[in-house]
Amino acid sequence: MHHATIDLRSDTVTRPDAAMRAAMADAEVGDDVLDHDPTMAALEERVASMLGYEAALWVPSGSLSNVIALMLHLSRGDAFLAPDHAHVLGSELGTAAWLALGMPRPLPHDGGPGRPSAAAVRAAAGGPGPYFTLNTTLLCLENTHNFAGGAVFDAQEWNELLAAARDSGLLVHLDGARVWNAAAALGVEPGLLTRGADTVSVCLSKGLGAPVGSVLVSDAARITEARRIRKMLGGGVRQGGILAAAGLLALDNIDSLAQDHANATLLADGLRDRGWDVAEPQTNIVLATVPDPLATVAELAASGIAAVTVAGKVRFVTHRDVSEADVKEALERL
């Protein structure tokens, strides 16, 4: 019998610590729909400044942030490009088509794990044609790429992909839910990996440890419209400062992501030592190739280790609530 499950399903399972709970309890609040809650405004201003943008909007989830961005950018029937297995393609349950009215077109990972090459973007975007030509208007990128094992691309690759999009007349949205991890892995400021996009979504409730919340950044005019769309979709909040206070503290946790990355490497090395087929992690996500992922996840659960399946592999995610000792304990249980 195992006394405690070691939860490696996701970095979304983290719980707010005592300091974060205290900040939430003491937060200055107001009606965000009517007056713009002061703590919410402070969080939005801080994130916009960190990422190099004019304005920002807090939203309850990354999925909502992404679909608001797509609704800003797409017209009915427009195609948009995204790397295969991107979050906007499968994990958001078709909202890109249902709500944003766009037609998704996946791109191969020919530029490296989780990303297309600039040439692939140009080829897929195509060029002018007759009136019955499908309009491809948007490129969505993801850094880090979740289902590619937390794969990172650097500022040079980011700028090359931006240039390919602009040359092809495409708008650009970055799903940067874990861009904090990418910045930590590369040792750069997050803004170097976000500047130049039309919109960027970042998450506070994964590795940074807030209980809920993502932020969409863009220019002031788009964020004004995004706020309207958020209300249309039921995402308007009242005394949102209670949640924004957690987000402000979460931003102070970026430096701690390096420990999550080190724990992921420790886990991957230990799994390989035990005969597992595991890719080298770049951040906090470890992917293992096994013959039967569902059966393996069930066997792990029986040993008190929680994992999930993604893209035909078993995924382990290290996070703030899993220590180095927990990783070593998981390996011992194996």
Foldseek 3Di string as FASTA:
>chain_A
DDPAFDEFAFLLPFADDPVLLVLLVPFQFFFCVPPNTPLQQVLFVVVCVLQVFATKHKFFALLLLVLLVLLLWDDAQAEEEAAPPACNPPVSPCSSCVPSNYHYDHFYCPVHQQDDALVRLLVVCDADDPPPDHHHAAYEGEQLGVLSFNRHDFLVRLVSNLVSQVVSNHAYEYADQPLLQNCLLVVHRSNSNRPPHQKYKYHLSGQLNQNTIIMMGHYPVSVVVSSVVCVVVVGRGTGCSSRSSSSVSSVVCSNVQVQLQVLQQVLQVLVVVVPWAWDRHSGFKIWTADPDQVVVQVVLVVLSYHWDDDPRTIMGGGHDVAHSVNSVVSSVSD
